[in-house]
């Protein structure tokens, strides 16, 4: 091979190298999969139906956020959190339980707010007649009154406050059938295992097996509110704060209102 041919080959090789360096890399970059975030919300049992619907609504826009609920009596949920049970958000049916967690430094500062309000009502099985007021609970035909366990169920606490104000608590307390949460009270009246019960108006509205006798005068009991807060122990505080903020926004409020909750 003569000198001219060798120089030509070297030139071609150099040109190819320079071209390769100057051209952008078009190799497809690997797709980084977004990891899912899991949130656990401990919430008062009376919020169950509304929160389940809000969850579906939220996950349409945030498919990578998996939301699980732990429904129960507010007092029982409070004790679980105090004992170290995992949870990202707590929604109680009274201030008392959230106050206790706040005093123990278990809430993430600046995340507490009021989600909704409610009303306490007296319910009876749908075909019951002749019961028109709380005073009828003293009647002989009312043998069992379902009520939430007052030590852990806010609805039970509110109920006792009302009956105390009406000066009939001592007359009817022997008829009480205690339940672990307000939905169990509703179920007892629906099934006929109780002749009457004290629940929130939102619980009564989801059932066609009971009827509302009367709503308690709000001056007879503590304010029925649902405080919400992110827990300091949450491992996903960013996602928890985002969902808590969504719960207090307009889309979630529309769902809560439709289920009968009173907006703050």
Foldseek 3Di string as FASTA:
>chain_A
DDPVVVVVVVVVVVVVVVVVVPDDDPPDDDDDDDAAAEAEEEEEQLCVVLVVVVQVVVCVVVVRYHYHYHYFFLQVVLVCVVVPNDHFKYKHQDVVSVVVCVVVVFFDPPFKDFLFFFFKFKKAFPPDPDDQDPVCLLPPVFQAEEAEDVVGHVQNVQVLLLCVVVVCCVSRVVRYDYDRHQLVNVVCRLVVVGGMYMHTPLSVVVDPGMDTNDIGDPVSGDTGTIMMTTTPPDPCNVVSSVVSVVSNDDVSVVSCVVSPTHGD
